[in-house]
Amino acid sequence: MAEPLFLQPVFQERIWGGTALKDKFGYDIPSDYTGECWGISAHPNGQSIVKNGKYARQSLTDLWKKQPHLFGHHQSDVFPLLTKILDANTDLSVQVHPDDEYANVHENGELGKTECWYIVDCEQDAEIIFGHTAETKEEFIESIEKSEWNHLLKRVKIKPGDFFYIPSGTIHALGKGTIVLETQQSSDTTYRLYDYDRVDQNGNLRELHIDKSIDVTMIPHKNAKSTPETTIIQGAEITKFVELPYFTVYKWDISGKARFKFTPFLLATVLEGEAILTLNECKYPITKGEHFIIPAQAGEFELEGNAMLITSHI
């Protein structure tokens, strides 16, 4: 009988992290420089462990390999998605990610990284860096060599509830005072283009990856389009942000009792409120900060309460 897989998050300390993951979600974070909560992950750098049921204490990677029926016998060698919550207490480095082909060649078979952001919260007048102004590769390289960052980098004002689709090859960075939920390919490959000349705890400048950044950056920049589609069902408002080969991402606003049925396995993170999940006549309370997976072919399930979730599937 199918049951949801509730997952223990993994926390990553970062030079730009803070305490928002504890303050907003009540997580037991390792330090006041905690930048990332890997809520659903089978990546070697942060493995999710199942908390409940017959698969308790098993890693998501083990389940992917040994219990393929839970995931519809998907053909990928690795679990394909990674769900994070990020606390940008200070500005993140300006970065870009490779596509699958480049990463496979240059990063020992790692997946590329296409991702998307849902802005959970941010300071007033917060910004992200999203794209660049160069029209040619020569212009891009010249701006880097001359450190013309204010000219080169595009800044975008943000507010809670905004959504950004970020294909591989897109220059991007979170700004100070921003909390996001990130849905991405299962990859930890980041090329750092610029880091404001910051130093680490030992006083050393952080490593940059200029040549690889130049190799993979989309030139000229083109904003990736995502057109949200909203559907009202009994007990819920469903917003589909993107539908892509890598992932389909939704926001579910639950306000009563709503019924769902998905054939693929479904990833879910509760960002606000609380509800009761009913699957196969078993009831599971879910609260803010919870991460779980509904297995493939699980059948119909219900959510009842007042809550907001970000969900995704491939």
C-alpha atoms as a PDB file:
ATOM      1  CA  MET A   1       0.000   0.000   0.000  1.00  0.00           C
ATOM      2  CA  ALA A   2       1.450   3.348  -1.047  1.00  0.00           C
ATOM      3  CA  GLU A   3       2.381   5.840   1.649  1.00  0.00           C
ATOM      4  CA  PRO A   4       4.024   9.265   1.463  1.00  0.00           C
ATOM      5  CA  LEU A   5       7.763   9.509   2.049  1.00  0.00           C
ATOM      6  CA  PHE A   6       8.526  12.230   4.601  1.00  0.00           C
ATOM      7  CA  LEU A   7      12.148  13.365   4.378  1.00  0.00           C
ATOM      8  CA  GLN A   8      14.691  14.710   6.839  1.00  0.00           C
ATOM      9  CA  PRO A   9      16.245  17.905   5.407  1.00  0.00           C
ATOM     10  CA  VAL A  10      19.993  18.367   5.072  1.00  0.00           C
ATOM     11  CA  PHE A  11      21.511  21.776   5.915  1.00  0.00           C
ATOM     12  CA  GLN A  12      24.462  23.415   4.186  1.00  0.00           C
ATOM     13  CA  GLU A  13      26.502  26.209   5.766  1.00  0.00           C
ATOM     14  CA  ARG A  14      27.429  29.038   3.413  1.00  0.00           C
ATOM     15  CA  ILE A  15      29.411  32.262   3.742  1.00  0.00           C
ATOM     16  CA  TRP A  16      26.239  34.145   2.729  1.00  0.00           C
ATOM     17  CA  GLY A  17      23.824  32.213   4.968  1.00  0.00           C
ATOM     18  CA  GLY A  18      22.015  33.337   8.122  1.00  0.00           C
ATOM     19  CA  THR A  19      19.338  32.173  10.555  1.00  0.00           C
ATOM     20  CA  ALA A  20      16.148  32.599   8.493  1.00  0.00           C
ATOM     21  CA  LEU A  21      15.724  28.846   8.057  1.00  0.00           C
ATOM     22  CA  LYS A  22      15.401  28.578  11.836  1.00  0.00           C
ATOM     23  CA  ASP A  23      13.469  31.823  12.304  1.00  0.00           C
ATOM     24  CA  LYS A  24      10.891  31.211   9.571  1.00  0.00           C
ATOM     25  CA  PHE A  25      10.604  27.425   9.454  1.00  0.00           C
ATOM     26  CA  GLY A  26      11.772  26.314  12.899  1.00  0.00           C
ATOM     27  CA  TYR A  27      14.559  24.114  11.544  1.00  0.00           C
ATOM     28  CA  ASP A  28      17.367  23.006  13.849  1.00  0.00           C
ATOM     29  CA  ILE A  29      20.177  24.585  11.836  1.00  0.00           C
ATOM     30  CA  PRO A  30      23.892  23.922  12.446  1.00  0.00           C
ATOM     31  CA  SER A  31      25.030  27.560  12.719  1.00  0.00           C
ATOM     32  CA  ASP A  32      24.165  31.214  12.147  1.00  0.00           C
ATOM     33  CA  TYR A  33      25.641  30.853   8.637  1.00  0.00           C
ATOM     34  CA  THR A  34      23.205  28.264   7.310  1.00  0.00           C
ATOM     35  CA  GLY A  35      22.426  29.040   3.694  1.00  0.00           C
ATOM     36  CA  GLU A  36      20.605  26.029   2.299  1.00  0.00           C
ATOM     37  CA  CYS A  37      18.033  23.456   3.331  1.00  0.00           C
ATOM     38  CA  TRP A  38      18.148  20.518   0.932  1.00  0.00           C
ATOM     39  CA  GLY A  39      14.613  19.312   1.523  1.00  0.00           C
ATOM     40  CA  ILE A  40      14.394  16.584  -1.131  1.00  0.00           C
ATOM     41  CA  SER A  41      17.767  15.375  -2.361  1.00  0.00           C
ATOM     42  CA  ALA A  42      19.519  12.246  -3.549  1.00  0.00           C
ATOM     43  CA  HIS A  43      22.693  14.130  -4.452  1.00  0.00           C
ATOM     44  CA  PRO A  44      25.922  12.741  -2.913  1.00  0.00           C
ATOM     45  CA  ASN A  45      26.612  16.129  -1.273  1.00  0.00           C
ATOM     46  CA  GLY A  46      23.392  15.957   0.771  1.00  0.00           C
ATOM     47  CA  GLN A  47      21.265  12.816   1.050  1.00  0.00           C
ATOM     48  CA  SER A  48      17.648  12.933   2.234  1.00  0.00           C
ATOM     49  CA  ILE A  49      16.663  10.178   4.684  1.00  0.00           C
ATOM     50  CA  VAL A  50      13.093   8.873   4.973  1.00  0.00           C
ATOM     51  CA  LYS A  51      11.547   9.562   8.386  1.00  0.00           C
ATOM     52  CA  ASN A  52       8.444   7.355   8.345  1.00  0.00           C
ATOM     53  CA  GLY A  53       6.898   4.021   7.425  1.00  0.00           C
ATOM     54  CA  LYS A  54       8.409   0.860   5.987  1.00  0.00           C
ATOM     55  CA  TYR A  55      11.298   2.753   4.350  1.00  0.00           C
ATOM     56  CA  ALA A  56      12.307   4.727   7.457  1.00  0.00           C
ATOM     57  CA  ARG A  57      16.049   5.429   7.798  1.00  0.00           C
ATOM     58  CA  GLN A  58      16.705   4.640   4.131  1.00  0.00           C
ATOM     59  CA  SER A  59      18.255   7.226   1.836  1.00  0.00           C
ATOM     60  CA  LEU A  60      16.460   8.563  -1.208  1.00  0.00           C
ATOM     61  CA  THR A  61      19.303   7.215  -3.371  1.00  0.00           C
ATOM     62  CA  ASP A  62      18.819   3.699  -1.982  1.00  0.00           C
ATOM     63  CA  LEU A  63      15.096   3.850  -2.683  1.00  0.00           C
ATOM     64  CA  TRP A  64      15.716   5.117  -6.218  1.00  0.00           C
ATOM     65  CA  LYS A  65      17.978   2.131  -6.895  1.00  0.00           C
ATOM     66  CA  LYS A  66      16.212  -0.611  -4.916  1.00  0.00           C
ATOM     67  CA  GLN A  67      12.518   0.398  -5.034  1.00  0.00           C
ATOM     68  CA  PRO A  68      12.076   1.739  -8.577  1.00  0.00           C
ATOM     69  CA  HIS A  69       8.312   1.108  -8.488  1.00  0.00           C
ATOM     70  CA  LEU A  70       8.009   4.094  -6.097  1.00  0.00           C
ATOM     71  CA  PHE A  71       9.157   6.338  -8.946  1.00  0.00           C
ATOM     72  CA  GLY A  72       7.356   4.715 -11.869  1.00  0.00           C
ATOM     73  CA  HIS A  73      10.492   2.806 -12.952  1.00  0.00           C
ATOM     74  CA  HIS A  74      11.969   6.030 -14.291  1.00  0.00           C
ATOM     75  CA  GLN A  75      14.969   5.391 -16.542  1.00  0.00           C
ATOM     76  CA  SER A  76      17.393   7.971 -15.111  1.00  0.00           C
ATOM     77  CA  ASP A  77      20.461   6.543 -13.369  1.00  0.00           C
ATOM     78  CA  VAL A  78      20.100   9.155 -10.618  1.00  0.00           C
ATOM     79  CA  PHE A  79      17.154  10.786  -8.865  1.00  0.00           C
ATOM     80  CA  PRO A  80      16.645  13.739 -11.221  1.00  0.00           C
ATOM     81  CA  LEU A  81      15.421  16.585  -8.990  1.00  0.00           C
ATOM     82  CA  LEU A  82      16.541  18.547  -5.956  1.00  0.00           C
ATOM     83  CA  THR A  83      14.340  20.826  -3.832  1.00  0.00           C
ATOM     84  CA  LYS A  84      16.021  23.507  -1.690  1.00  0.00           C
ATOM     85  CA  ILE A  85      15.117  26.460   0.484  1.00  0.00           C
ATOM     86  CA  LEU A  86      17.827  29.154   0.417  1.00  0.00           C
ATOM     87  CA  ASP A  87      18.484  31.937   2.923  1.00  0.00           C
ATOM     88  CA  ALA A  88      20.444  34.705   1.230  1.00  0.00           C
ATOM     89  CA  ASN A  89      21.413  36.714   4.296  1.00  0.00           C
ATOM     90  CA  THR A  90      23.932  38.560   2.136  1.00  0.00           C
ATOM     91  CA  ASP A  91      24.418  38.741  -1.642  1.00  0.00           C
ATOM     92  CA  LEU A  92      25.265  35.463  -3.324  1.00  0.00           C
ATOM     93  CA  SER A  93      28.082  35.237  -5.828  1.00  0.00           C
ATOM     94  CA  VAL A  94      27.198  35.883  -9.461  1.00  0.00           C
ATOM     95  CA  GLN A  95      27.116  32.480 -11.088  1.00  0.00           C
ATOM     96  CA  VAL A  96      26.091  30.385 -14.057  1.00  0.00           C
ATOM     97  CA  HIS A  97      25.451  26.666 -14.508  1.00  0.00           C
ATOM     98  CA  PRO A  98      26.346  24.312 -17.380  1.00  0.00           C
ATOM     99  CA  ASP A  99      23.905  22.218 -19.379  1.00  0.00           C
ATOM    100  CA  ASP A 100      23.895  18.408 -19.283  1.00  0.00           C
ATOM    101  CA  GLU A 101      26.303  17.997 -22.182  1.00  0.00           C
ATOM    102  CA  TYR A 102      28.965  20.374 -20.824  1.00  0.00           C
ATOM    103  CA  ALA A 103      28.687  19.059 -17.251  1.00  0.00           C
ATOM    104  CA  ASN A 104      28.956  15.457 -18.401  1.00  0.00           C
ATOM    105  CA  VAL A 105      32.259  16.209 -20.139  1.00  0.00           C
ATOM    106  CA  HIS A 106      33.805  18.667 -17.656  1.00  0.00           C
ATOM    107  CA  GLU A 107      32.307  17.607 -14.297  1.00  0.00           C
ATOM    108  CA  ASN A 108      32.762  13.842 -14.243  1.00  0.00           C
ATOM    109  CA  GLY A 109      29.330  12.939 -15.512  1.00  0.00           C
ATOM    110  CA  GLU A 110      27.405  15.353 -13.279  1.00  0.00           C
ATOM    111  CA  LEU A 111      24.049  16.585 -14.539  1.00  0.00           C
ATOM    112  CA  GLY A 112      23.727  20.146 -15.770  1.00  0.00           C
ATOM    113  CA  LYS A 113      21.681  22.571 -13.750  1.00  0.00           C
ATOM    114  CA  THR A 114      18.493  24.176 -14.921  1.00  0.00           C
ATOM    115  CA  GLU A 115      16.539  25.583 -11.993  1.00  0.00           C
ATOM    116  CA  CYS A 116      13.714  27.876 -10.937  1.00  0.00           C
ATOM    117  CA  TRP A 117      13.017  30.133  -7.956  1.00  0.00           C
ATOM    118  CA  TYR A 118       9.854  30.876  -6.032  1.00  0.00           C
ATOM    119  CA  ILE A 119      10.427  33.987  -3.898  1.00  0.00           C
ATOM    120  CA  VAL A 120       9.185  33.007  -0.419  1.00  0.00           C
ATOM    121  CA  ASP A 121      10.117  36.281   1.260  1.00  0.00           C
ATOM    122  CA  CYS A 122      12.428  39.225   0.710  1.00  0.00           C
ATOM    123  CA  GLU A 123      13.311  42.645   2.041  1.00  0.00           C
ATOM    124  CA  GLN A 124      11.623  45.690   0.586  1.00  0.00           C
ATOM    125  CA  ASP A 125      13.400  46.764  -2.631  1.00  0.00           C
ATOM    126  CA  ALA A 126      15.262  43.439  -2.795  1.00  0.00           C
ATOM    127  CA  GLU A 127      16.887  42.524  -6.102  1.00  0.00           C
ATOM    128  CA  ILE A 128      18.279  39.577  -7.966  1.00  0.00           C
ATOM    129  CA  ILE A 129      20.846  39.536 -10.741  1.00  0.00           C
ATOM    130  CA  PHE A 130      19.255  37.957 -13.783  1.00  0.00           C
ATOM    131  CA  GLY A 131      21.081  38.144 -17.085  1.00  0.00           C
ATOM    132  CA  HIS A 132      23.666  40.478 -18.616  1.00  0.00           C
ATOM    133  CA  THR A 133      23.928  43.245 -21.209  1.00  0.00           C
ATOM    134  CA  ALA A 134      26.611  41.884 -23.570  1.00  0.00           C
ATOM    135  CA  GLU A 135      25.559  41.291 -27.155  1.00  0.00           C
ATOM    136  CA  THR A 136      28.636  39.302 -28.178  1.00  0.00           C
ATOM    137  CA  LYS A 137      31.126  36.981 -26.511  1.00  0.00           C
ATOM    138  CA  GLU A 138      33.882  39.543 -27.153  1.00  0.00           C
ATOM    139  CA  GLU A 139      31.873  42.234 -25.354  1.00  0.00           C
ATOM    140  CA  PHE A 140      31.171  39.836 -22.494  1.00  0.00           C
ATOM    141  CA  ILE A 141      34.867  39.007 -22.064  1.00  0.00           C
ATOM    142  CA  GLU A 142      35.895  42.674 -22.312  1.00  0.00           C
ATOM    143  CA  SER A 143      33.457  43.700 -19.564  1.00  0.00           C
ATOM    144  CA  ILE A 144      34.821  40.948 -17.312  1.00  0.00           C
ATOM    145  CA  GLU A 145      38.440  41.930 -17.962  1.00  0.00           C
ATOM    146  CA  LYS A 146      37.634  45.575 -17.165  1.00  0.00           C
ATOM    147  CA  SER A 147      35.551  44.628 -14.099  1.00  0.00           C
ATOM    148  CA  GLU A 148      32.589  46.560 -15.502  1.00  0.00           C
ATOM    149  CA  TRP A 149      30.160  44.631 -13.333  1.00  0.00           C
ATOM    150  CA  ASN A 150      27.620  47.420 -12.829  1.00  0.00           C
ATOM    151  CA  HIS A 151      27.340  47.776 -16.592  1.00  0.00           C
ATOM    152  CA  LEU A 152      27.385  44.069 -17.383  1.00  0.00           C
ATOM    153  CA  LEU A 153      24.974  42.612 -14.838  1.00  0.00           C
ATOM    154  CA  LYS A 154      21.212  43.100 -15.047  1.00  0.00           C
ATOM    155  CA  ARG A 155      19.327  43.664 -11.793  1.00  0.00           C
ATOM    156  CA  VAL A 156      15.637  42.897 -11.289  1.00  0.00           C
ATOM    157  CA  LYS A 157      13.409  44.051  -8.416  1.00  0.00           C
ATOM    158  CA  ILE A 158      11.564  41.205  -6.699  1.00  0.00           C
ATOM    159  CA  LYS A 159       8.683  40.679  -4.276  1.00  0.00           C
ATOM    160  CA  PRO A 160       7.276  37.645  -2.417  1.00  0.00           C
ATOM    161  CA  GLY A 161       5.375  35.350  -4.752  1.00  0.00           C
ATOM    162  CA  ASP A 162       7.522  36.066  -7.829  1.00  0.00           C
ATOM    163  CA  PHE A 163       8.717  33.111  -9.890  1.00  0.00           C
ATOM    164  CA  PHE A 164      11.818  32.914 -12.100  1.00  0.00           C
ATOM    165  CA  TYR A 165      12.758  30.148 -14.516  1.00  0.00           C
ATOM    166  CA  ILE A 166      16.565  29.947 -14.851  1.00  0.00           C
ATOM    167  CA  PRO A 167      17.833  27.697 -17.656  1.00  0.00           C
ATOM    168  CA  SER A 168      21.448  26.565 -17.707  1.00  0.00           C
ATOM    169  CA  GLY A 169      23.641  29.292 -19.175  1.00  0.00           C
ATOM    170  CA  THR A 170      21.784  32.109 -17.392  1.00  0.00           C
ATOM    171  CA  ILE A 171      23.830  34.572 -15.281  1.00  0.00           C
ATOM    172  CA  HIS A 172      22.069  34.921 -11.916  1.00  0.00           C
ATOM    173  CA  ALA A 173      22.445  35.653  -8.209  1.00  0.00           C
ATOM    174  CA  LEU A 174      20.190  36.115  -5.215  1.00  0.00           C
ATOM    175  CA  GLY A 175      20.389  39.455  -3.449  1.00  0.00           C
ATOM    176  CA  LYS A 176      20.616  40.152   0.272  1.00  0.00           C
ATOM    177  CA  GLY A 177      17.555  39.468   2.380  1.00  0.00           C
ATOM    178  CA  THR A 178      15.891  36.902   0.151  1.00  0.00           C
ATOM    179  CA  ILE A 179      14.416  33.469   0.912  1.00  0.00           C
ATOM    180  CA  VAL A 180      13.599  31.245  -2.069  1.00  0.00           C
ATOM    181  CA  LEU A 181      12.395  27.770  -2.776  1.00  0.00           C
ATOM    182  CA  GLU A 182      14.468  26.331  -5.581  1.00  0.00           C
ATOM    183  CA  THR A 183      13.487  23.416  -7.794  1.00  0.00           C
ATOM    184  CA  GLN A 184      16.415  22.195  -9.881  1.00  0.00           C
ATOM    185  CA  GLN A 185      18.094  19.325 -11.618  1.00  0.00           C
ATOM    186  CA  SER A 186      20.026  17.182  -9.164  1.00  0.00           C
ATOM    187  CA  SER A 187      23.368  18.926  -9.600  1.00  0.00           C
ATOM    188  CA  ASP A 188      25.796  20.804  -7.371  1.00  0.00           C
ATOM    189  CA  THR A 189      27.865  22.329 -10.181  1.00  0.00           C
ATOM    190  CA  THR A 190      28.174  26.121 -10.011  1.00  0.00           C
ATOM    191  CA  TYR A 191      30.577  28.361 -11.898  1.00  0.00           C
ATOM    192  CA  ARG A 192      31.319  31.523  -9.939  1.00  0.00           C
ATOM    193  CA  LEU A 193      31.832  34.525 -12.221  1.00  0.00           C
ATOM    194  CA  TYR A 194      32.080  37.333  -9.658  1.00  0.00           C
ATOM    195  CA  ASP A 195      32.003  37.462  -5.862  1.00  0.00           C
ATOM    196  CA  TYR A 196      32.396  41.148  -4.914  1.00  0.00           C
ATOM    197  CA  ASP A 197      36.052  40.445  -3.987  1.00  0.00           C
ATOM    198  CA  ARG A 198      34.917  38.723  -0.789  1.00  0.00           C
ATOM    199  CA  VAL A 199      37.294  36.623   1.276  1.00  0.00           C
ATOM    200  CA  ASP A 200      36.632  33.395   3.161  1.00  0.00           C
ATOM    201  CA  GLN A 201      37.207  32.717   6.872  1.00  0.00           C
ATOM    202  CA  ASN A 202      40.941  32.354   6.183  1.00  0.00           C
ATOM    203  CA  GLY A 203      41.204  35.697   4.411  1.00  0.00           C
ATOM    204  CA  ASN A 204      41.510  34.193   0.928  1.00  0.00           C
ATOM    205  CA  LEU A 205      39.618  35.385  -2.126  1.00  0.00           C
ATOM    206  CA  ARG A 206      36.985  32.823  -3.105  1.00  0.00           C
ATOM    207  CA  GLU A 207      37.691  30.762  -6.193  1.00  0.00           C
ATOM    208  CA  LEU A 208      36.253  32.014  -9.476  1.00  0.00           C
ATOM    209  CA  HIS A 209      35.565  29.976 -12.617  1.00  0.00           C
ATOM    210  CA  ILE A 210      35.945  32.620 -15.315  1.00  0.00           C
ATOM    211  CA  ASP A 211      36.854  30.395 -18.275  1.00  0.00           C
ATOM    212  CA  LYS A 212      34.056  27.890 -17.647  1.00  0.00           C
ATOM    213  CA  SER A 213      31.598  30.741 -17.067  1.00  0.00           C
ATOM    214  CA  ILE A 214      32.518  32.223 -20.437  1.00  0.00           C
ATOM    215  CA  ASP A 215      32.142  28.791 -22.055  1.00  0.00           C
ATOM    216  CA  VAL A 216      28.583  28.171 -20.845  1.00  0.00           C
ATOM    217  CA  THR A 217      26.957  31.616 -20.588  1.00  0.00           C
ATOM    218  CA  MET A 218      24.089  32.345 -22.972  1.00  0.00           C
ATOM    219  CA  ILE A 219      25.115  35.328 -25.150  1.00  0.00           C
ATOM    220  CA  PRO A 220      23.179  37.466 -25.710  1.00  0.00           C
ATOM    221  CA  HIS A 221      20.960  36.920 -22.674  1.00  0.00           C
ATOM    222  CA  LYS A 222      17.339  36.042 -23.337  1.00  0.00           C
ATOM    223  CA  ASN A 223      14.778  36.051 -20.548  1.00  0.00           C
ATOM    224  CA  ALA A 224      13.281  32.600 -20.176  1.00  0.00           C
ATOM    225  CA  LYS A 225       9.529  32.908 -20.385  1.00  0.00           C
ATOM    226  CA  SER A 226       7.192  31.255 -17.916  1.00  0.00           C
ATOM    227  CA  THR A 227       3.492  32.009 -18.129  1.00  0.00           C
ATOM    228  CA  PRO A 228       1.689  30.891 -14.963  1.00  0.00           C
ATOM    229  CA  GLU A 229      -1.630  29.164 -15.458  1.00  0.00           C
ATOM    230  CA  THR A 230      -4.126  29.158 -12.580  1.00  0.00           C
ATOM    231  CA  THR A 231      -6.882  26.591 -12.101  1.00  0.00           C
ATOM    232  CA  ILE A 232      -9.541  26.647  -9.384  1.00  0.00           C
ATOM    233  CA  ILE A 233     -10.686  23.301  -8.014  1.00  0.00           C
ATOM    234  CA  GLN A 234     -12.774  22.525  -4.959  1.00  0.00           C
ATOM    235  CA  GLY A 235     -10.699  23.454  -1.941  1.00  0.00           C
ATOM    236  CA  ALA A 236      -7.646  24.754  -3.792  1.00  0.00           C
ATOM    237  CA  GLU A 237      -6.152  27.180  -6.276  1.00  0.00           C
ATOM    238  CA  ILE A 238      -3.491  25.558  -8.452  1.00  0.00           C
ATOM    239  CA  THR A 239      -0.882  27.675 -10.251  1.00  0.00           C
ATOM    240  CA  LYS A 240       1.320  25.909 -12.784  1.00  0.00           C
ATOM    241  CA  PHE A 241       4.492  27.964 -13.209  1.00  0.00           C
ATOM    242  CA  VAL A 242       6.403  25.912 -15.788  1.00  0.00           C
ATOM    243  CA  GLU A 243       6.050  22.639 -17.672  1.00  0.00           C
ATOM    244  CA  LEU A 244       9.395  21.484 -19.055  1.00  0.00           C
ATOM    245  CA  PRO A 245      11.314  18.295 -19.816  1.00  0.00           C
ATOM    246  CA  TYR A 246      13.313  18.879 -16.604  1.00  0.00           C
ATOM    247  CA  PHE A 247      10.399  19.564 -14.266  1.00  0.00           C
ATOM    248  CA  THR A 248       6.856  20.853 -13.934  1.00  0.00           C
ATOM    249  CA  VAL A 249       6.369  23.170 -10.941  1.00  0.00           C
ATOM    250  CA  TYR A 250       3.151  24.242  -9.210  1.00  0.00           C
ATOM    251  CA  LYS A 251       1.951  26.323  -6.281  1.00  0.00           C
ATOM    252  CA  TRP A 252      -0.975  24.812  -4.396  1.00  0.00           C
ATOM    253  CA  ASP A 253      -3.039  27.136  -2.204  1.00  0.00           C
ATOM    254  CA  ILE A 254      -5.199  24.845  -0.075  1.00  0.00           C
ATOM    255  CA  SER A 255      -8.289  26.338   1.586  1.00  0.00           C
ATOM    256  CA  GLY A 256     -10.547  23.441   2.514  1.00  0.00           C
ATOM    257  CA  LYS A 257     -10.560  19.874   1.206  1.00  0.00           C
ATOM    258  CA  ALA A 258      -8.938  19.256  -2.171  1.00  0.00           C
ATOM    259  CA  ARG A 259      -8.475  16.003  -4.076  1.00  0.00           C
ATOM    260  CA  PHE A 260      -5.555  15.178  -6.344  1.00  0.00           C
ATOM    261  CA  LYS A 261      -4.346  12.310  -8.491  1.00  0.00           C
ATOM    262  CA  PHE A 262      -0.933  12.199 -10.152  1.00  0.00           C
ATOM    263  CA  THR A 263       0.602   9.369 -12.149  1.00  0.00           C
ATOM    264  CA  PRO A 264       4.258  10.457 -11.771  1.00  0.00           C
ATOM    265  CA  PHE A 265       5.874  10.694  -8.374  1.00  0.00           C
ATOM    266  CA  LEU A 266       5.331  14.114  -6.812  1.00  0.00           C
ATOM    267  CA  LEU A 267       7.682  16.249  -4.697  1.00  0.00           C
ATOM    268  CA  ALA A 268       6.107  18.659  -2.200  1.00  0.00           C
ATOM    269  CA  THR A 269       7.263  21.288   0.294  1.00  0.00           C
ATOM    270  CA  VAL A 270       4.905  23.062   2.693  1.00  0.00           C
ATOM    271  CA  LEU A 271       5.763  26.776   2.796  1.00  0.00           C
ATOM    272  CA  GLU A 272       2.817  28.061   4.819  1.00  0.00           C
ATOM    273  CA  GLY A 273       0.107  26.699   7.097  1.00  0.00           C
ATOM    274  CA  GLU A 274      -0.865  23.146   7.919  1.00  0.00           C
ATOM    275  CA  ALA A 275      -3.140  20.437   6.577  1.00  0.00           C
ATOM    276  CA  ILE A 276      -4.034  16.757   6.756  1.00  0.00           C
ATOM    277  CA  LEU A 277      -2.829  14.535   3.925  1.00  0.00           C
ATOM    278  CA  THR A 278      -5.030  11.474   3.386  1.00  0.00           C
ATOM    279  CA  LEU A 279      -3.662   8.637   1.244  1.00  0.00           C
ATOM    280  CA  ASN A 280      -5.138   5.124   1.196  1.00  0.00           C
ATOM    281  CA  GLU A 281      -7.375   6.053   4.150  1.00  0.00           C
ATOM    282  CA  CYS A 282      -4.339   6.924   6.296  1.00  0.00           C
ATOM    283  CA  LYS A 283      -4.040  10.470   7.605  1.00  0.00           C
ATOM    284  CA  TYR A 284      -0.753  12.379   7.900  1.00  0.00           C
ATOM    285  CA  PRO A 285      -0.470  15.875   9.427  1.00  0.00           C
ATOM    286  CA  ILE A 286       1.733  18.202   7.379  1.00  0.00           C
ATOM    287  CA  THR A 287       3.082  21.518   8.621  1.00  0.00           C
ATOM    288  CA  LYS A 288       5.201  24.402   7.456  1.00  0.00           C
ATOM    289  CA  GLY A 289       8.706  23.252   6.506  1.00  0.00           C
ATOM    290  CA  GLU A 290       7.705  19.652   5.750  1.00  0.00           C
ATOM    291  CA  HIS A 291       9.112  17.905   2.667  1.00  0.00           C
ATOM    292  CA  PHE A 292       7.590  14.743   1.233  1.00  0.00           C
ATOM    293  CA  ILE A 293       7.141  12.611  -1.886  1.00  0.00           C
ATOM    294  CA  ILE A 294       3.927  10.999  -3.095  1.00  0.00           C
ATOM    295  CA  PRO A 295       5.004   7.786  -4.886  1.00  0.00           C
ATOM    296  CA  ALA A 296       4.109   7.112  -8.513  1.00  0.00           C
ATOM    297  CA  GLN A 297       0.748   5.455  -9.113  1.00  0.00           C
ATOM    298  CA  ALA A 298      -0.276   6.185  -5.506  1.00  0.00           C
ATOM    299  CA  GLY A 299      -3.833   6.905  -6.569  1.00  0.00           C
ATOM    300  CA  GLU A 300      -6.078   9.646  -5.292  1.00  0.00           C
ATOM    301  CA  PHE A 301      -5.109  11.638  -2.209  1.00  0.00           C
ATOM    302  CA  GLU A 302      -6.624  14.539  -0.274  1.00  0.00           C
ATOM    303  CA  LEU A 303      -5.290  17.647   1.403  1.00  0.00           C
ATOM    304  CA  GLU A 304      -7.524  19.364   3.931  1.00  0.00           C
ATOM    305  CA  GLY A 305      -6.635  22.560   5.773  1.00  0.00           C
ATOM    306  CA  ASN A 306      -5.149  25.948   5.020  1.00  0.00           C
ATOM    307  CA  ALA A 307      -1.688  25.662   3.522  1.00  0.00           C
ATOM    308  CA  MET A 308       0.518  26.643   0.618  1.00  0.00           C
ATOM    309  CA  LEU A 309       2.812  24.115  -1.034  1.00  0.00           C
ATOM    310  CA  ILE A 310       5.254  24.121  -3.907  1.00  0.00           C
ATOM    311  CA  THR A 311       5.080  20.819  -5.782  1.00  0.00           C
ATOM    312  CA  SER A 312       6.956  19.405  -8.747  1.00  0.00           C
ATOM    313  CA  HIS A 313       7.340  16.324 -10.912  1.00  0.00           C
ATOM    314  CA  ILE A 314       9.205  15.268 -14.019  1.00  0.00           C
END
